[in-house]
PDB file of all heavy atoms in Angstrom:
ATOM      1  N   ALA A   1     103.466  50.636 113.814  1.00  0.00           N
ATOM      2  CA  ALA A   1     104.028  51.397 114.931  1.00  0.00           C
ATOM      3  C   ALA A   1     103.856  50.660 116.259  1.00  0.00           C
ATOM      4  O   ALA A   1     104.804  50.531 117.038  1.00  0.00           O
ATOM      5  CB  ALA A   1     103.379  52.780 114.998  1.00  0.00           C
ATOM      6  N   SER A   2     102.644  50.172 116.495  1.00  0.00           N
ATOM      7  CA  SER A   2     102.389  49.518 117.782  1.00  0.00           C
ATOM      8  C   SER A   2     103.189  48.222 117.916  1.00  0.00           C
ATOM      9  O   SER A   2     103.555  47.833 119.025  1.00  0.00           O
ATOM     10  CB  SER A   2     100.897  49.265 117.985  1.00  0.00           C
ATOM     11  OG  SER A   2     100.435  48.276 117.095  1.00  0.00           O
ATOM     12  N   TYR A   3     103.482  47.583 116.803  1.00  0.00           N
ATOM     13  CA  TYR A   3     104.279  46.345 116.814  1.00  0.00           C
ATOM     14  C   TYR A   3     105.644  46.587 117.461  1.00  0.00           C
ATOM     15  O   TYR A   3     106.205  45.694 118.090  1.00  0.00           O
ATOM     16  CB  TYR A   3     104.432  45.854 115.374  1.00  0.00           C
ATOM     17  CG  TYR A   3     105.033  44.482 115.221  1.00  0.00           C
ATOM     18  CD1 TYR A   3     104.223  43.346 115.232  1.00  0.00           C
ATOM     19  CD2 TYR A   3     106.399  44.304 115.038  1.00  0.00           C
ATOM     20  CE1 TYR A   3     104.760  42.080 115.079  1.00  0.00           C
ATOM     21  CE2 TYR A   3     106.954  43.039 114.876  1.00  0.00           C
ATOM     22  CZ  TYR A   3     106.127  41.929 114.900  1.00  0.00           C
ATOM     23  OH  TYR A   3     106.663  40.681 114.750  1.00  0.00           O
ATOM     24  N   ILE A   4     106.164  47.822 117.289  1.00  0.00           N
ATOM     25  CA  ILE A   4     107.473  48.148 117.862  1.00  0.00           C
ATOM     26  C   ILE A   4     107.376  49.186 118.988  1.00  0.00           C
ATOM     27  O   ILE A   4     108.370  49.784 119.380  1.00  0.00           O
ATOM     28  CB  ILE A   4     108.473  48.607 116.771  1.00  0.00           C
ATOM     29  CG1 ILE A   4     107.934  49.792 115.971  1.00  0.00           C
ATOM     30  CG2 ILE A   4     108.844  47.439 115.865  1.00  0.00           C
ATOM     31  CD1 ILE A   4     108.922  50.378 114.964  1.00  0.00           C
ATOM     32  N   GLY A   5     106.165  49.399 119.501  1.00  0.00           N
ATOM     33  CA  GLY A   5     105.987  50.245 120.679  1.00  0.00           C
ATOM     34  C   GLY A   5     106.057  51.743 120.438  1.00  0.00           C
ATOM     35  O   GLY A   5     106.389  52.494 121.355  1.00  0.00           O
ATOM     36  N   LEU A   6     105.728  52.186 119.219  1.00  0.00           N
ATOM     37  CA  LEU A   6     105.756  53.613 118.909  1.00  0.00           C
ATOM     38  C   LEU A   6     104.367  54.093 118.528  1.00  0.00           C
ATOM     39  O   LEU A   6     103.486  53.302 118.199  1.00  0.00           O
ATOM     40  CB  LEU A   6     106.713  53.887 117.743  1.00  0.00           C
ATOM     41  CG  LEU A   6     108.183  53.547 117.945  1.00  0.00           C
ATOM     42  CD1 LEU A   6     108.964  53.815 116.665  1.00  0.00           C
ATOM     43  CD2 LEU A   6     108.779  54.332 119.105  1.00  0.00           C
ATOM     44  N   SER A   7     104.185  55.406 118.533  1.00  0.00           N
ATOM     45  CA  SER A   7     102.969  55.993 117.974  1.00  0.00           C
ATOM     46  C   SER A   7     103.119  56.012 116.458  1.00  0.00           C
ATOM     47  O   SER A   7     104.232  55.867 115.929  1.00  0.00           O
ATOM     48  CB  SER A   7     102.769  57.415 118.493  1.00  0.00           C
ATOM     49  OG  SER A   7     103.733  58.281 117.899  1.00  0.00           O
ATOM     50  N   GLY A   8     102.017  56.205 115.762  1.00  0.00           N
ATOM     51  CA  GLY A   8     102.077  56.279 114.298  1.00  0.00           C
ATOM     52  C   GLY A   8     102.988  57.390 113.817  1.00  0.00           C
ATOM     53  O   GLY A   8     103.782  57.208 112.886  1.00  0.00           O
ATOM     54  N   ALA A   9     102.903  58.548 114.449  1.00  0.00           N
ATOM     55  CA  ALA A   9     103.732  59.690 114.044  1.00  0.00           C
ATOM     56  C   ALA A   9     105.213  59.420 114.310  1.00  0.00           C
ATOM     57  O   ALA A   9     106.078  59.758 113.490  1.00  0.00           O
ATOM     58  CB  ALA A   9     103.285  60.955 114.768  1.00  0.00           C
ATOM     59  N   GLN A  10     105.513  58.799 115.442  1.00  0.00           N
ATOM     60  CA  GLN A  10     106.912  58.481 115.743  1.00  0.00           C
ATOM     61  C   GLN A  10     107.469  57.470 114.735  1.00  0.00           C
ATOM     62  O   GLN A  10     108.592  57.619 114.252  1.00  0.00           O
ATOM     63  CB  GLN A  10     107.036  57.911 117.164  1.00  0.00           C
ATOM     64  CG  GLN A  10     106.784  58.919 118.247  1.00  0.00           C
ATOM     65  CD  GLN A  10     106.612  58.266 119.602  1.00  0.00           C
ATOM     66  OE1 GLN A  10     106.388  57.058 119.714  1.00  0.00           O
ATOM     67  NE2 GLN A  10     106.709  59.074 120.648  1.00  0.00           N
ATOM     68  N   TYR A  11     106.680  56.458 114.426  1.00  0.00           N
ATOM     69  CA  TYR A  11     107.102  55.443 113.464  1.00  0.00           C
ATOM     70  C   TYR A  11     107.390  56.075 112.099  1.00  0.00           C
ATOM     71  O   TYR A  11     108.440  55.834 111.495  1.00  0.00           O
ATOM     72  CB  TYR A  11     106.026  54.359 113.340  1.00  0.00           C
ATOM     73  CG  TYR A  11     106.149  53.531 112.099  1.00  0.00           C
ATOM     74  CD1 TYR A  11     107.129  52.546 111.987  1.00  0.00           C
ATOM     75  CD2 TYR A  11     105.302  53.747 111.020  1.00  0.00           C
ATOM     76  CE1 TYR A  11     107.247  51.796 110.831  1.00  0.00           C
ATOM     77  CE2 TYR A  11     105.423  53.002 109.869  1.00  0.00           C
ATOM     78  CZ  TYR A  11     106.394  52.030 109.772  1.00  0.00           C
ATOM     79  OH  TYR A  11     106.518  51.298 108.623  1.00  0.00           O
ATOM     80  N   THR A  12     106.458  56.891 111.622  1.00  0.00           N
ATOM     81  CA  THR A  12     106.632  57.528 110.315  1.00  0.00           C
ATOM     82  C   THR A  12     107.871  58.418 110.306  1.00  0.00           C
ATOM     83  O   THR A  12     108.638  58.424 109.338  1.00  0.00           O
ATOM     84  CB  THR A  12     105.376  58.351 109.950  1.00  0.00           C
ATOM     85  OG1 THR A  12     104.254  57.469 109.906  1.00  0.00           O
ATOM     86  CG2 THR A  12     105.528  59.039 108.607  1.00  0.00           C
ATOM     87  N   THR A  13     108.085  59.148 111.378  1.00  0.00           N
ATOM     88  CA  THR A  13     109.252  60.026 111.470  1.00  0.00           C
ATOM     89  C   THR A  13     110.538  59.211 111.484  1.00  0.00           C
ATOM     90  O   THR A  13     111.505  59.532 110.777  1.00  0.00           O
ATOM     91  CB  THR A  13     109.156  60.923 112.720  1.00  0.00           C
ATOM     92  OG1 THR A  13     107.907  61.642 112.690  1.00  0.00           O
ATOM     93  CG2 THR A  13     110.307  61.903 112.800  1.00  0.00           C
ATOM     94  N   LEU A  14     110.564  58.137 112.255  1.00  0.00           N
ATOM     95  CA  LEU A  14     111.751  57.281 112.343  1.00  0.00           C
ATOM     96  C   LEU A  14     112.092  56.666 110.987  1.00  0.00           C
ATOM     97  O   LEU A  14     113.252  56.694 110.548  1.00  0.00           O
ATOM     98  CB  LEU A  14     111.528  56.182 113.386  1.00  0.00           C
ATOM     99  CG  LEU A  14     112.693  55.213 113.610  1.00  0.00           C
ATOM    100  CD1 LEU A  14     113.906  55.944 114.171  1.00  0.00           C
ATOM    101  CD2 LEU A  14     112.258  54.083 114.549  1.00  0.00           C
ATOM    102  N   VAL A  15     111.094  56.132 110.309  1.00  0.00           N
ATOM    103  CA  VAL A  15     111.316  55.519 108.995  1.00  0.00           C
ATOM    104  C   VAL A  15     111.816  56.562 107.998  1.00  0.00           C
ATOM    105  O   VAL A  15     112.721  56.293 107.196  1.00  0.00           O
ATOM    106  CB  VAL A  15     110.024  54.837 108.487  1.00  0.00           C
ATOM    107  CG1 VAL A  15     110.136  54.449 107.031  1.00  0.00           C
ATOM    108  CG2 VAL A  15     109.700  53.625 109.335  1.00  0.00           C
ATOM    109  N   THR A  16     111.255  57.749 108.050  1.00  0.00           N
ATOM    110  CA  THR A  16     111.664  58.806 107.131  1.00  0.00           C
ATOM    111  C   THR A  16     113.104  59.224 107.389  1.00  0.00           C
ATOM    112  O   THR A  16     113.874  59.420 106.441  1.00  0.00           O
ATOM    113  CB  THR A  16     110.712  60.009 107.245  1.00  0.00           C
ATOM    114  OG1 THR A  16     109.376  59.553 106.999  1.00  0.00           O
ATOM    115  CG2 THR A  16     111.066  61.093 106.232  1.00  0.00           C
ATOM    116  N   ILE A  17     113.486  59.343 108.635  1.00  0.00           N
ATOM    117  CA  ILE A  17     114.881  59.685 108.961  1.00  0.00           C
ATOM    118  C   ILE A  17     115.810  58.611 108.405  1.00  0.00           C
ATOM    119  O   ILE A  17     116.839  58.908 107.800  1.00  0.00           O
ATOM    120  CB  ILE A  17     115.068  59.866 110.481  1.00  0.00           C
ATOM    121  CG1 ILE A  17     114.304  61.099 110.970  1.00  0.00           C
ATOM    122  CG2 ILE A  17     116.559  59.980 110.829  1.00  0.00           C
ATOM    123  CD1 ILE A  17     114.180  61.196 112.477  1.00  0.00           C
ATOM    124  N   ARG A  18     115.429  57.347 108.604  1.00  0.00           N
ATOM    125  CA  ARG A  18     116.263  56.253 108.096  1.00  0.00           C
ATOM    126  C   ARG A  18     116.432  56.352 106.573  1.00  0.00           C
ATOM    127  O   ARG A  18     117.524  56.192 106.043  1.00  0.00           O
ATOM    128  CB  ARG A  18     115.670  54.896 108.458  1.00  0.00           C
ATOM    129  CG  ARG A  18     116.569  53.744 107.978  1.00  0.00           C
ATOM    130  CD  ARG A  18     115.946  52.406 108.184  1.00  0.00           C
ATOM    131  NE  ARG A  18     114.736  52.291 107.385  1.00  0.00           N
ATOM    132  CZ  ARG A  18     113.900  51.275 107.446  1.00  0.00           C
ATOM    133  NH1 ARG A  18     114.123  50.279 108.272  1.00  0.00           N
ATOM    134  NH2 ARG A  18     112.827  51.241 106.694  1.00  0.00           N
ATOM    135  N   HIS A  19     115.344  56.641 105.876  1.00  0.00           N
ATOM    136  CA  HIS A  19     115.413  56.706 104.418  1.00  0.00           C
ATOM    137  C   HIS A  19     116.189  57.920 103.917  1.00  0.00           C
ATOM    138  O   HIS A  19     116.774  57.881 102.835  1.00  0.00           O
ATOM    139  CB  HIS A  19     114.015  56.702 103.809  1.00  0.00           C
ATOM    140  CG  HIS A  19     113.354  55.358 103.860  1.00  0.00           C
ATOM    141  ND1 HIS A  19     113.866  54.239 103.259  1.00  0.00           N
ATOM    142  CD2 HIS A  19     112.216  54.953 104.476  1.00  0.00           C
ATOM    143  CE1 HIS A  19     113.077  53.202 103.480  1.00  0.00           C
ATOM    144  NE2 HIS A  19     112.072  53.615 104.230  1.00  0.00           N
ATOM    145  N   LEU A  20     116.189  58.995 104.700  1.00  0.00           N
ATOM    146  CA  LEU A  20     116.794  60.248 104.223  1.00  0.00           C
ATOM    147  C   LEU A  20     118.092  60.621 104.935  1.00  0.00           C
ATOM    148  O   LEU A  20     118.676  61.655 104.624  1.00  0.00           O
ATOM    149  CB  LEU A  20     115.789  61.397 104.388  1.00  0.00           C
ATOM    150  CG  LEU A  20     114.485  61.278 103.598  1.00  0.00           C
ATOM    151  CD1 LEU A  20     113.565  62.449 103.915  1.00  0.00           C
ATOM    152  CD2 LEU A  20     114.748  61.205 102.104  1.00  0.00           C
ATOM    153  N   GLN A  21     118.570  59.820 105.866  1.00  0.00           N
ATOM    154  CA  GLN A  21     119.686  60.274 106.691  1.00  0.00           C
ATOM    155  C   GLN A  21     120.989  60.428 105.913  1.00  0.00           C
ATOM    156  O   GLN A  21     121.887  61.137 106.362  1.00  0.00           O
ATOM    157  CB  GLN A  21     119.879  59.389 107.915  1.00  0.00           C
ATOM    158  CG  GLN A  21     120.448  58.034 107.688  1.00  0.00           C
ATOM    159  CD  GLN A  21     120.530  57.260 109.006  1.00  0.00           C
ATOM    160  OE1 GLN A  21     119.712  57.426 109.908  1.00  0.00           O
ATOM    161  NE2 GLN A  21     121.534  56.416 109.110  1.00  0.00           N
ATOM    162  N   ASP A  22     121.146  59.832 104.752  1.00  0.00           N
ATOM    163  CA  ASP A  22     122.358  60.032 103.967  1.00  0.00           C
ATOM    164  C   ASP A  22     122.351  61.384 103.253  1.00  0.00           C
ATOM    165  O   ASP A  22     123.350  61.778 102.664  1.00  0.00           O
ATOM    166  CB  ASP A  22     122.527  58.906 102.944  1.00  0.00           C
ATOM    167  CG  ASP A  22     122.803  57.577 103.623  1.00  0.00           C
ATOM    168  OD1 ASP A  22     123.312  57.592 104.766  1.00  0.00           O
ATOM    169  OD2 ASP A  22     122.494  56.533 103.029  1.00  0.00           O
ATOM    170  N   THR A  23     121.224  62.097 103.322  1.00  0.00           N
ATOM    171  CA  THR A  23     121.064  63.344 102.550  1.00  0.00           C
ATOM    172  C   THR A  23     121.865  64.543 103.060  1.00  0.00           C
ATOM    173  O   THR A  23     122.371  65.261 102.227  1.00  0.00           O
ATOM    174  CB  THR A  23     119.570  63.684 102.427  1.00  0.00           C
ATOM    175  OG1 THR A  23     118.915  62.560 101.868  1.00  0.00           O
ATOM    176  CG2 THR A  23     119.348  64.893 101.581  1.00  0.00           C
ATOM    177  N   PRO A  24     122.057  64.901 104.283  1.00  0.00           N
ATOM    178  CA  PRO A  24     121.589  64.337 105.551  1.00  0.00           C
ATOM    179  C   PRO A  24     120.180  64.795 105.892  1.00  0.00           C
ATOM    180  O   PRO A  24     119.700  65.803 105.372  1.00  0.00           O
ATOM    181  CB  PRO A  24     122.597  64.870 106.563  1.00  0.00           C
ATOM    182  CG  PRO A  24     123.002  66.181 106.017  1.00  0.00           C
ATOM    183  CD  PRO A  24     122.970  66.026 104.510  1.00  0.00           C
ATOM    184  N   ALA A  25     119.550  64.060 106.801  1.00  0.00           N
ATOM    185  CA  ALA A  25     118.190  64.362 107.213  1.00  0.00           C
ATOM    186  C   ALA A  25     118.191  65.507 108.222  1.00  0.00           C
ATOM    187  O   ALA A  25     118.883  65.454 109.232  1.00  0.00           O
ATOM    188  CB  ALA A  25     117.550  63.126 107.831  1.00  0.00           C
TER     189      ALA A  25
END
């Protein structure tokens, strides 16, 4: 997360949206 300037929770949420957005998320 810090590598890309996000908090851990924001990073996890962003990655999850990316993985599930075709569902749709």
